[in-house]
Amino acid sequence: MKLTPVIALGCLLLVSCDRSPKHEAPADPASAKAGVATAVVTPTADPLTTDQLTALAFRTAWGGPPPIERNEGTGNQTDTRTYRSGKLIAREAGRYALISDGQGGEGHVNSGSLSIHYLQRTGDSFTRMGSWPGFLVSGTFGNPPQWKIRTDLTPSPTLVAEAGGTWQGYSCTWAHVIELTPDEPVVRIDQIPTSYSDGGAREEGETKSMEGVLIPGQKGKSMRVRYTGDVDATVVYAKVGESYDPVNLLDLPSC
């Protein structure tokens, strides 16, 4: 059969392409000698963003999306608190702690709260391992305690939550020290005075104030609070059983 010029040209080009030299990266001599191809490992990014991961953790912890409303407390201390957000704290072996902020009522006597959940991540899902809703109740005007995670105080990560308020011109704050142990959160110190001011109740020049900063001691055995201002002293807390108790008691001003 006689090929048309167009088909013949196409065949010619195809043959020409087949005969063109190929450029390949030189093989690793050691790999070539052993007959094994060199493996290329490409790191895989987390398919979930931080916001997506937190939203998934919140739904797993609470059994649904925010807002979550709970009646917490007993007797005259009962209050309805609303949980709208949480923050994930990475631990070990795919384990996380979710700290959720609970907003209470709007009155001065109303307190806020912190809830704690332990979660295990497997792929793109979580399993709830422990639940402690309303673990810490503190604060005024319904505001939850302000908190941060520290790793220099106790063997496991430490949740240090601070709350306070102003009463008739006297302002105070207290810190709560909670160790996030592998099995459960444990209150190591219930309340540490961290600030005081009577500036709203006394005349200028007669006021007193102090500030306290929590500083490391011997991890797992002790910690300290350094006070400055009108109180210049250090209080040492030593571990006794499950809690840390003050070794040297000070007469600190309080509300």
C-alpha atoms as a PDB file:
ATOM      1  CA  MET A   1       0.000   0.000   0.000  1.00  0.00           C
ATOM      2  CA  LYS A   2       1.271   3.450  -0.859  1.00  0.00           C
ATOM      3  CA  LEU A   3       1.253   5.902   2.045  1.00  0.00           C
ATOM      4  CA  THR A   4       0.083   9.421   1.569  1.00  0.00           C
ATOM      5  CA  PRO A   5       2.721  12.130   2.108  1.00  0.00           C
ATOM      6  CA  VAL A   6       1.098  13.224   5.363  1.00  0.00           C
ATOM      7  CA  ILE A   7       1.126   9.726   6.893  1.00  0.00           C
ATOM      8  CA  ALA A   8       4.651   9.085   5.648  1.00  0.00           C
ATOM      9  CA  LEU A   9       5.855  12.297   7.254  1.00  0.00           C
ATOM     10  CA  GLY A  10       4.187  11.326  10.505  1.00  0.00           C
ATOM     11  CA  CYS A  11       5.977   8.004  10.487  1.00  0.00           C
ATOM     12  CA  LEU A  12       9.245   9.726   9.706  1.00  0.00           C
ATOM     13  CA  LEU A  13       8.828  12.077  12.634  1.00  0.00           C
ATOM     14  CA  LEU A  14       7.933   9.164  14.915  1.00  0.00           C
ATOM     15  CA  VAL A  15      11.037   7.279  13.900  1.00  0.00           C
ATOM     16  CA  SER A  16      13.112  10.421  14.350  1.00  0.00           C
ATOM     17  CA  CYS A  17      11.721  10.903  17.886  1.00  0.00           C
ATOM     18  CA  ASP A  18      12.469   7.304  18.772  1.00  0.00           C
ATOM     19  CA  ARG A  19      16.073   7.761  17.697  1.00  0.00           C
ATOM     20  CA  SER A  20      16.677  11.000  19.635  1.00  0.00           C
ATOM     21  CA  PRO A  21      19.122  10.663  22.562  1.00  0.00           C
ATOM     22  CA  LYS A  22      17.590  10.332  26.034  1.00  0.00           C
ATOM     23  CA  HIS A  23      18.936  12.357  28.934  1.00  0.00           C
ATOM     24  CA  GLU A  24      18.779  10.523  32.251  1.00  0.00           C
ATOM     25  CA  ALA A  25      20.205  11.317  35.658  1.00  0.00           C
ATOM     26  CA  PRO A  26      23.291   9.209  36.362  1.00  0.00           C
ATOM     27  CA  ALA A  27      22.523   6.272  38.622  1.00  0.00           C
ATOM     28  CA  ASP A  28      24.118   5.904  42.013  1.00  0.00           C
ATOM     29  CA  PRO A  29      27.065   3.548  41.352  1.00  0.00           C
ATOM     30  CA  ALA A  30      26.504   1.700  44.617  1.00  0.00           C
ATOM     31  CA  SER A  31      22.793   1.247  43.943  1.00  0.00           C
ATOM     32  CA  ALA A  32      23.407   0.220  40.332  1.00  0.00           C
ATOM     33  CA  LYS A  33      25.995  -2.296  41.417  1.00  0.00           C
ATOM     34  CA  ALA A  34      23.598  -3.775  43.944  1.00  0.00           C
ATOM     35  CA  GLY A  35      20.709  -3.666  41.492  1.00  0.00           C
ATOM     36  CA  VAL A  36      18.545  -1.598  43.911  1.00  0.00           C
ATOM     37  CA  ALA A  37      16.899   1.694  42.941  1.00  0.00           C
ATOM     38  CA  THR A  38      17.437   4.687  45.259  1.00  0.00           C
ATOM     39  CA  ALA A  39      14.247   5.487  47.259  1.00  0.00           C
ATOM     40  CA  VAL A  40      13.040   9.070  47.514  1.00  0.00           C
ATOM     41  CA  VAL A  41      11.021   9.886  50.670  1.00  0.00           C
ATOM     42  CA  THR A  42       8.764  12.932  50.495  1.00  0.00           C
ATOM     43  CA  PRO A  43       7.455  14.286  53.851  1.00  0.00           C
ATOM     44  CA  THR A  44       3.660  14.381  54.026  1.00  0.00           C
ATOM     45  CA  ALA A  45       1.941  17.424  55.496  1.00  0.00           C
ATOM     46  CA  ASP A  46      -0.932  17.155  57.944  1.00  0.00           C
ATOM     47  CA  PRO A  47      -4.104  17.110  55.807  1.00  0.00           C
ATOM     48  CA  LEU A  48      -5.980  19.078  58.481  1.00  0.00           C
ATOM     49  CA  THR A  49      -5.351  22.713  59.361  1.00  0.00           C
ATOM     50  CA  THR A  50      -5.064  23.732  63.005  1.00  0.00           C
ATOM     51  CA  ASP A  51      -8.613  25.118  62.947  1.00  0.00           C
ATOM     52  CA  GLN A  52     -10.001  21.940  61.370  1.00  0.00           C
ATOM     53  CA  LEU A  53      -8.169  19.778  63.872  1.00  0.00           C
ATOM     54  CA  THR A  54      -9.453  21.827  66.814  1.00  0.00           C
ATOM     55  CA  ALA A  55     -13.028  21.773  65.501  1.00  0.00           C
ATOM     56  CA  LEU A  56     -12.857  17.992  65.119  1.00  0.00           C
ATOM     57  CA  ALA A  57     -11.437  17.623  68.626  1.00  0.00           C
ATOM     58  CA  PHE A  58     -14.189  19.846  70.085  1.00  0.00           C
ATOM     59  CA  ARG A  59     -16.942  17.772  68.449  1.00  0.00           C
ATOM     60  CA  THR A  60     -15.356  14.560  69.711  1.00  0.00           C
ATOM     61  CA  ALA A  61     -14.934  15.900  73.239  1.00  0.00           C
ATOM     62  CA  TRP A  62     -18.407  17.404  73.618  1.00  0.00           C
ATOM     63  CA  GLY A  63     -20.403  15.188  71.267  1.00  0.00           C
ATOM     64  CA  GLY A  64     -21.366  18.078  68.991  1.00  0.00           C
ATOM     65  CA  PRO A  65     -20.315  21.470  67.595  1.00  0.00           C
ATOM     66  CA  PRO A  66     -20.269  24.687  69.646  1.00  0.00           C
ATOM     67  CA  PRO A  67     -21.990  26.278  71.400  1.00  0.00           C
ATOM     68  CA  ILE A  68     -22.336  23.755  74.206  1.00  0.00           C
ATOM     69  CA  GLU A  69     -24.379  24.877  77.241  1.00  0.00           C
ATOM     70  CA  ARG A  70     -24.057  23.197  80.613  1.00  0.00           C
ATOM     71  CA  ASN A  71     -25.615  23.769  84.038  1.00  0.00           C
ATOM     72  CA  GLU A  72     -22.681  23.606  86.417  1.00  0.00           C
ATOM     73  CA  GLY A  73     -22.449  23.874  90.187  1.00  0.00           C
ATOM     74  CA  THR A  74     -24.847  23.103  93.003  1.00  0.00           C
ATOM     75  CA  GLY A  75     -27.319  25.074  95.104  1.00  0.00           C
ATOM     76  CA  ASN A  76     -26.835  28.833  94.967  1.00  0.00           C
ATOM     77  CA  GLN A  77     -23.643  28.337  92.963  1.00  0.00           C
ATOM     78  CA  THR A  78     -25.453  26.878  89.946  1.00  0.00           C
ATOM     79  CA  ASP A  79     -24.732  28.710  86.709  1.00  0.00           C
ATOM     80  CA  THR A  80     -25.201  28.062  83.003  1.00  0.00           C
ATOM     81  CA  ARG A  81     -21.918  28.199  81.146  1.00  0.00           C
ATOM     82  CA  THR A  82     -21.413  28.219  77.401  1.00  0.00           C
ATOM     83  CA  TYR A  83     -18.452  26.593  75.666  1.00  0.00           C
ATOM     84  CA  ARG A  84     -17.695  28.026  72.246  1.00  0.00           C
ATOM     85  CA  SER A  85     -14.019  27.325  71.746  1.00  0.00           C
ATOM     86  CA  GLY A  86     -11.117  25.192  72.840  1.00  0.00           C
ATOM     87  CA  LYS A  87      -7.396  24.841  72.361  1.00  0.00           C
ATOM     88  CA  LEU A  88      -5.487  21.647  71.647  1.00  0.00           C
ATOM     89  CA  ILE A  89      -2.351  20.827  73.614  1.00  0.00           C
ATOM     90  CA  ALA A  90      -0.181  18.184  71.944  1.00  0.00           C
ATOM     91  CA  ARG A  91       1.195  15.542  74.273  1.00  0.00           C
ATOM     92  CA  GLU A  92       2.930  12.248  73.445  1.00  0.00           C
ATOM     93  CA  ALA A  93       2.133   9.417  71.018  1.00  0.00           C
ATOM     94  CA  GLY A  94      -0.741  11.203  69.263  1.00  0.00           C
ATOM     95  CA  ARG A  95      -2.422  12.201  72.519  1.00  0.00           C
ATOM     96  CA  TYR A  96      -3.907  15.634  73.094  1.00  0.00           C
ATOM     97  CA  ALA A  97      -5.543  17.663  75.839  1.00  0.00           C
ATOM     98  CA  LEU A  98      -8.391  19.964  74.818  1.00  0.00           C
ATOM     99  CA  ILE A  99      -8.894  22.964  77.127  1.00  0.00           C
ATOM    100  CA  SER A 100     -12.309  24.602  76.647  1.00  0.00           C
ATOM    101  CA  ASP A 101     -13.360  28.022  77.983  1.00  0.00           C
ATOM    102  CA  GLY A 102     -16.778  28.238  79.637  1.00  0.00           C
ATOM    103  CA  GLN A 103     -18.511  31.649  79.788  1.00  0.00           C
ATOM    104  CA  GLY A 104     -20.873  32.146  82.731  1.00  0.00           C
ATOM    105  CA  GLY A 105     -23.420  34.841  83.556  1.00  0.00           C
ATOM    106  CA  GLU A 106     -22.790  38.583  83.392  1.00  0.00           C
ATOM    107  CA  GLY A 107     -22.996  39.400  87.113  1.00  0.00           C
ATOM    108  CA  HIS A 108     -20.067  40.181  89.372  1.00  0.00           C
ATOM    109  CA  VAL A 109     -20.707  36.975  91.325  1.00  0.00           C
ATOM    110  CA  ASN A 110     -20.808  34.820  88.204  1.00  0.00           C
ATOM    111  CA  SER A 111     -17.715  32.786  87.442  1.00  0.00           C
ATOM    112  CA  GLY A 112     -16.327  31.175  84.334  1.00  0.00           C
ATOM    113  CA  SER A 113     -14.799  27.738  83.960  1.00  0.00           C
ATOM    114  CA  LEU A 114     -12.268  25.555  82.204  1.00  0.00           C
ATOM    115  CA  SER A 115     -13.074  22.042  81.015  1.00  0.00           C
ATOM    116  CA  ILE A 116     -10.464  19.433  80.150  1.00  0.00           C
ATOM    117  CA  HIS A 117     -10.703  16.479  77.774  1.00  0.00           C
ATOM    118  CA  TYR A 118      -8.060  13.907  76.879  1.00  0.00           C
ATOM    119  CA  LEU A 119      -8.118  12.707  73.272  1.00  0.00           C
ATOM    120  CA  GLN A 120      -6.255  10.150  71.173  1.00  0.00           C
ATOM    121  CA  ARG A 121      -5.713  10.953  67.518  1.00  0.00           C
ATOM    122  CA  THR A 122      -5.666   8.215  64.886  1.00  0.00           C
ATOM    123  CA  GLY A 123      -5.387   9.489  61.321  1.00  0.00           C
ATOM    124  CA  ASP A 124      -8.158  12.034  60.734  1.00  0.00           C
ATOM    125  CA  SER A 125     -10.205  11.141  63.799  1.00  0.00           C
ATOM    126  CA  PHE A 126     -10.132  11.459  67.583  1.00  0.00           C
ATOM    127  CA  THR A 127     -11.212   9.147  70.385  1.00  0.00           C
ATOM    128  CA  ARG A 128     -12.187  10.610  73.752  1.00  0.00           C
ATOM    129  CA  MET A 129     -10.059   9.081  76.493  1.00  0.00           C
ATOM    130  CA  GLY A 130     -11.093  11.222  79.475  1.00  0.00           C
ATOM    131  CA  SER A 131     -13.614  13.968  80.261  1.00  0.00           C
ATOM    132  CA  TRP A 132     -13.540  16.536  83.087  1.00  0.00           C
ATOM    133  CA  PRO A 133     -16.144  19.237  82.296  1.00  0.00           C
ATOM    134  CA  GLY A 134     -16.126  22.221  84.639  1.00  0.00           C
ATOM    135  CA  PHE A 135     -12.784  21.095  86.061  1.00  0.00           C
ATOM    136  CA  LEU A 136     -11.893  24.606  87.249  1.00  0.00           C
ATOM    137  CA  VAL A 137     -14.479  27.230  88.204  1.00  0.00           C
ATOM    138  CA  SER A 138     -13.151  30.714  88.970  1.00  0.00           C
ATOM    139  CA  GLY A 139     -13.319  34.399  88.020  1.00  0.00           C
ATOM    140  CA  THR A 140     -15.942  37.139  87.990  1.00  0.00           C
ATOM    141  CA  PHE A 141     -18.508  38.492  85.515  1.00  0.00           C
ATOM    142  CA  GLY A 142     -18.668  35.031  83.981  1.00  0.00           C
ATOM    143  CA  ASN A 143     -15.199  35.247  82.454  1.00  0.00           C
ATOM    144  CA  PRO A 144     -13.194  32.021  82.329  1.00  0.00           C
ATOM    145  CA  PRO A 145      -9.693  32.022  83.846  1.00  0.00           C
ATOM    146  CA  GLN A 146      -6.810  33.105  81.667  1.00  0.00           C
ATOM    147  CA  TRP A 147      -4.372  30.251  81.227  1.00  0.00           C
ATOM    148  CA  LYS A 148      -1.146  29.063  79.662  1.00  0.00           C
ATOM    149  CA  ILE A 149       0.843  25.838  79.429  1.00  0.00           C
ATOM    150  CA  ARG A 150       4.257  25.546  81.063  1.00  0.00           C
ATOM    151  CA  THR A 151       6.759  22.713  80.813  1.00  0.00           C
ATOM    152  CA  ASP A 152       9.284  23.863  83.440  1.00  0.00           C
ATOM    153  CA  LEU A 153       7.312  23.198  86.637  1.00  0.00           C
ATOM    154  CA  THR A 154       6.182  19.563  86.736  1.00  0.00           C
ATOM    155  CA  PRO A 155       7.134  16.347  84.866  1.00  0.00           C
ATOM    156  CA  SER A 156       4.009  16.562  82.682  1.00  0.00           C
ATOM    157  CA  PRO A 157       2.785  19.803  81.049  1.00  0.00           C
ATOM    158  CA  THR A 158       1.337  22.240  83.578  1.00  0.00           C
ATOM    159  CA  LEU A 159      -1.829  24.265  83.081  1.00  0.00           C
ATOM    160  CA  VAL A 160      -1.451  27.528  85.014  1.00  0.00           C
ATOM    161  CA  ALA A 161      -4.811  29.342  85.163  1.00  0.00           C
ATOM    162  CA  GLU A 162      -5.249  32.797  86.658  1.00  0.00           C
ATOM    163  CA  ALA A 163      -8.416  34.617  87.648  1.00  0.00           C
ATOM    164  CA  GLY A 164      -9.509  37.327  90.052  1.00  0.00           C
ATOM    165  CA  GLY A 165     -11.528  40.486  90.368  1.00  0.00           C
ATOM    166  CA  THR A 166     -12.101  43.765  92.188  1.00  0.00           C
ATOM    167  CA  TRP A 167     -14.185  44.134  95.326  1.00  0.00           C
ATOM    168  CA  GLN A 168     -14.844  47.626  96.790  1.00  0.00           C
ATOM    169  CA  GLY A 169     -11.585  48.961  95.406  1.00  0.00           C
ATOM    170  CA  TYR A 170      -9.461  45.942  96.333  1.00  0.00           C
ATOM    171  CA  SER A 171      -8.128  43.933  93.382  1.00  0.00           C
ATOM    172  CA  CYS A 172      -6.663  40.436  93.599  1.00  0.00           C
ATOM    173  CA  THR A 173      -5.726  37.555  91.331  1.00  0.00           C
ATOM    174  CA  TRP A 174      -4.960  33.919  92.088  1.00  0.00           C
ATOM    175  CA  ALA A 175      -3.287  31.180  90.082  1.00  0.00           C
ATOM    176  CA  HIS A 176      -4.282  27.517  89.946  1.00  0.00           C
ATOM    177  CA  VAL A 177      -1.586  24.973  89.111  1.00  0.00           C
ATOM    178  CA  ILE A 178      -2.873  21.850  87.318  1.00  0.00           C
ATOM    179  CA  GLU A 179      -0.566  19.110  86.067  1.00  0.00           C
ATOM    180  CA  LEU A 180      -1.791  17.283  82.960  1.00  0.00           C
ATOM    181  CA  THR A 181      -0.545  13.840  83.982  1.00  0.00           C
ATOM    182  CA  PRO A 182      -0.896  10.960  81.478  1.00  0.00           C
ATOM    183  CA  ASP A 183      -3.970   9.563  83.247  1.00  0.00           C
ATOM    184  CA  GLU A 184      -5.816  12.689  84.425  1.00  0.00           C
ATOM    185  CA  PRO A 185      -5.432  16.369  85.298  1.00  0.00           C
ATOM    186  CA  VAL A 186      -4.343  16.864  88.921  1.00  0.00           C
ATOM    187  CA  VAL A 187      -4.578  20.103  90.930  1.00  0.00           C
ATOM    188  CA  ARG A 188      -1.136  20.605  92.414  1.00  0.00           C
ATOM    189  CA  ILE A 189      -1.834  24.012  94.004  1.00  0.00           C
ATOM    190  CA  ASP A 190      -5.409  25.209  94.403  1.00  0.00           C
ATOM    191  CA  GLN A 191      -4.759  28.940  94.818  1.00  0.00           C
ATOM    192  CA  ILE A 192      -1.605  31.037  94.750  1.00  0.00           C
ATOM    193  CA  PRO A 193      -1.966  34.794  95.377  1.00  0.00           C
ATOM    194  CA  THR A 194      -0.375  36.459  92.338  1.00  0.00           C
ATOM    195  CA  SER A 195      -1.372  40.119  92.694  1.00  0.00           C
ATOM    196  CA  TYR A 196      -2.898  42.604  95.097  1.00  0.00           C
ATOM    197  CA  SER A 197      -3.765  46.292  94.917  1.00  0.00           C
ATOM    198  CA  ASP A 198      -5.865  48.511  97.175  1.00  0.00           C
ATOM    199  CA  GLY A 199      -5.523  51.528  94.902  1.00  0.00           C
ATOM    200  CA  GLY A 200      -9.285  51.809  94.506  1.00  0.00           C
ATOM    201  CA  ALA A 201      -9.933  51.930  98.239  1.00  0.00           C
ATOM    202  CA  ARG A 202      -7.181  54.131  99.702  1.00  0.00           C
ATOM    203  CA  GLU A 203      -5.839  57.628  99.226  1.00  0.00           C
ATOM    204  CA  GLU A 204      -2.842  58.213  97.003  1.00  0.00           C
ATOM    205  CA  GLY A 205       0.367  57.593  98.896  1.00  0.00           C
ATOM    206  CA  GLU A 206      -1.273  55.115 101.242  1.00  0.00           C
ATOM    207  CA  THR A 207      -1.808  52.294  98.774  1.00  0.00           C
ATOM    208  CA  LYS A 208      -0.108  48.925  98.733  1.00  0.00           C
ATOM    209  CA  SER A 209       0.432  46.460  95.922  1.00  0.00           C
ATOM    210  CA  MET A 210       2.355  43.309  95.116  1.00  0.00           C
ATOM    211  CA  GLU A 211       3.015  40.991  92.187  1.00  0.00           C
ATOM    212  CA  GLY A 212       3.833  37.297  92.349  1.00  0.00           C
ATOM    213  CA  VAL A 213       5.583  35.257  89.640  1.00  0.00           C
ATOM    214  CA  LEU A 214       5.634  31.463  89.604  1.00  0.00           C
ATOM    215  CA  ILE A 215       9.168  30.197  88.976  1.00  0.00           C
ATOM    216  CA  PRO A 216      10.617  26.670  88.709  1.00  0.00           C
ATOM    217  CA  GLY A 217      12.123  24.780  91.590  1.00  0.00           C
ATOM    218  CA  GLN A 218      13.201  21.146  91.428  1.00  0.00           C
ATOM    219  CA  LYS A 219      10.873  19.663  88.824  1.00  0.00           C
ATOM    220  CA  GLY A 220       8.407  17.260  90.356  1.00  0.00           C
ATOM    221  CA  LYS A 221       9.417  18.225  93.902  1.00  0.00           C
ATOM    222  CA  SER A 222       9.131  21.969  94.396  1.00  0.00           C
ATOM    223  CA  MET A 223       8.325  25.370  92.869  1.00  0.00           C
ATOM    224  CA  ARG A 224       8.499  28.948  94.060  1.00  0.00           C
ATOM    225  CA  VAL A 225       6.590  32.217  93.924  1.00  0.00           C
ATOM    226  CA  ARG A 226       8.650  35.405  93.865  1.00  0.00           C
ATOM    227  CA  TYR A 227       6.853  38.489  95.212  1.00  0.00           C
ATOM    228  CA  THR A 228       7.832  42.076  94.457  1.00  0.00           C
ATOM    229  CA  GLY A 229       6.335  45.469  95.270  1.00  0.00           C
ATOM    230  CA  ASP A 230       5.319  46.124  98.864  1.00  0.00           C
ATOM    231  CA  VAL A 231       6.037  42.464  99.552  1.00  0.00           C
ATOM    232  CA  ASP A 232       9.629  41.395  98.853  1.00  0.00           C
ATOM    233  CA  ALA A 233       9.847  37.672  99.508  1.00  0.00           C
ATOM    234  CA  THR A 234       9.863  34.180  98.013  1.00  0.00           C
ATOM    235  CA  VAL A 235       7.478  31.397  99.007  1.00  0.00           C
ATOM    236  CA  VAL A 236       8.629  27.813  98.415  1.00  0.00           C
ATOM    237  CA  TYR A 237       6.047  25.108  97.646  1.00  0.00           C
ATOM    238  CA  ALA A 238       7.141  21.507  98.212  1.00  0.00           C
ATOM    239  CA  LYS A 239       5.324  18.396  97.024  1.00  0.00           C
ATOM    240  CA  VAL A 240       3.479  16.541  99.756  1.00  0.00           C
ATOM    241  CA  GLY A 241       1.408  13.651  98.401  1.00  0.00           C
ATOM    242  CA  GLU A 242      -0.584  14.882  95.418  1.00  0.00           C
ATOM    243  CA  SER A 243      -0.260  18.614  96.173  1.00  0.00           C
ATOM    244  CA  TYR A 244       2.417  21.233  96.687  1.00  0.00           C
ATOM    245  CA  ASP A 245       2.226  22.973 100.080  1.00  0.00           C
ATOM    246  CA  PRO A 246       3.973  26.195 101.175  1.00  0.00           C
ATOM    247  CA  VAL A 247       7.097  25.605 103.242  1.00  0.00           C
ATOM    248  CA  ASN A 248       7.305  29.157 104.559  1.00  0.00           C
ATOM    249  CA  LEU A 249       4.017  30.935 105.249  1.00  0.00           C
ATOM    250  CA  LEU A 250       3.782  34.688 104.654  1.00  0.00           C
ATOM    251  CA  ASP A 251       1.134  37.133 105.799  1.00  0.00           C
ATOM    252  CA  LEU A 252       0.166  38.300 102.310  1.00  0.00           C
ATOM    253  CA  PRO A 253      -2.420  41.026 101.713  1.00  0.00           C
ATOM    254  CA  SER A 254      -5.606  39.720 100.142  1.00  0.00           C
ATOM    255  CA  CYS A 255      -9.108  40.782  99.141  1.00  0.00           C
END
